[in-house]
């Protein structure tokens, strides 16, 4: 059974049904078999039903409804969303069906991922309105913490993908800021929203979570949040300090970088859990302030990782994928310091 492509629209589906019907009327054996699998009549409604069934839907109206729902959510069209939910409020709660990318995503979770998916979906990188859509879905009854048994809550999804607009709406609607993902989830198995935001470098969401009272449970999380008071001690494990330095660098917590270096955390060390290193992560994610501070503390710009890449190499690689002023600035800092 095929899945719906990410940019499917109703016009494409109508053409598929019309082409199928025309082929069947012309005597194409495969087309005839497809239509006769659902109806004895060679008519447009039968071809539409055949297309719907092949995508996993019981009827053409069900397929049409699902495609329209995703189109409305992707376009952040509040007027159409209001009309749709006025007629069918259950669409705020029912998982999305038969898509090739986000299989079984709740509408709230889909909105939390949309900003991250913008380029792949042909959307502008600046994507306002995701929070307003999330609020409308919640007002219509969307479960703010997702369904029982889901691998992660919508807030964890927003933290992973970096949508602060959606995260703010979820927090204000009472989402559990300390909920944890399932042990077999993607991202950070068993991790909280705060840990997901920390790992994936989503500082805006992380700051919202800290402000909302999310629990900090480790030195690494404290470093990402920007306050290691009570966590950094002479007894702190070396690997925990190395990971904390990476987090501090990724979130540009400069005072924490200083504190960790003062505590004799080796500036160029790689952590043994994720294989990450402070200067490399800062360069890769376009954090110029952290790059400067780490260099001031003696970080080696010519250090190569197990892929034989320097921090500058990682900056350039990511810059090709996502052009940003931060990456431009980091490259300007590292280029004259890195050997060819």
Foldseek 3Di string as FASTA:
>chain_A
DAFAEPQDDPVVLLVQLVVLLVCVVVPNPVSVVLLVVQDPDSDSLSSLCSSQVVLPHRHNVVVNVLRVVSVCLLVLPVVVVVVNCVVPLCLLAFFRDRHPPDHRHHSLLCLLQNLLCQVVNVHDNDDPNSLVVLLVSVVSPHDLQHDPPAQGGSLLSNLLRQDLSSNVSSVVVPYDQADFGDQPDPQDRRHGSLVNNLVNLNLSSNQVSVVSPHDDDAQLSCLLNQHCVVHDDLPDDLLSLQSNLQSNLSNVSLVSVVVSVVSVRDQADAHPPPRDHRLLNNLLNLPLNSNVSSVVSPHQQADAGPVRDGSLRNLVVNCVVPPDPSSVNSNVVSVVRYDD
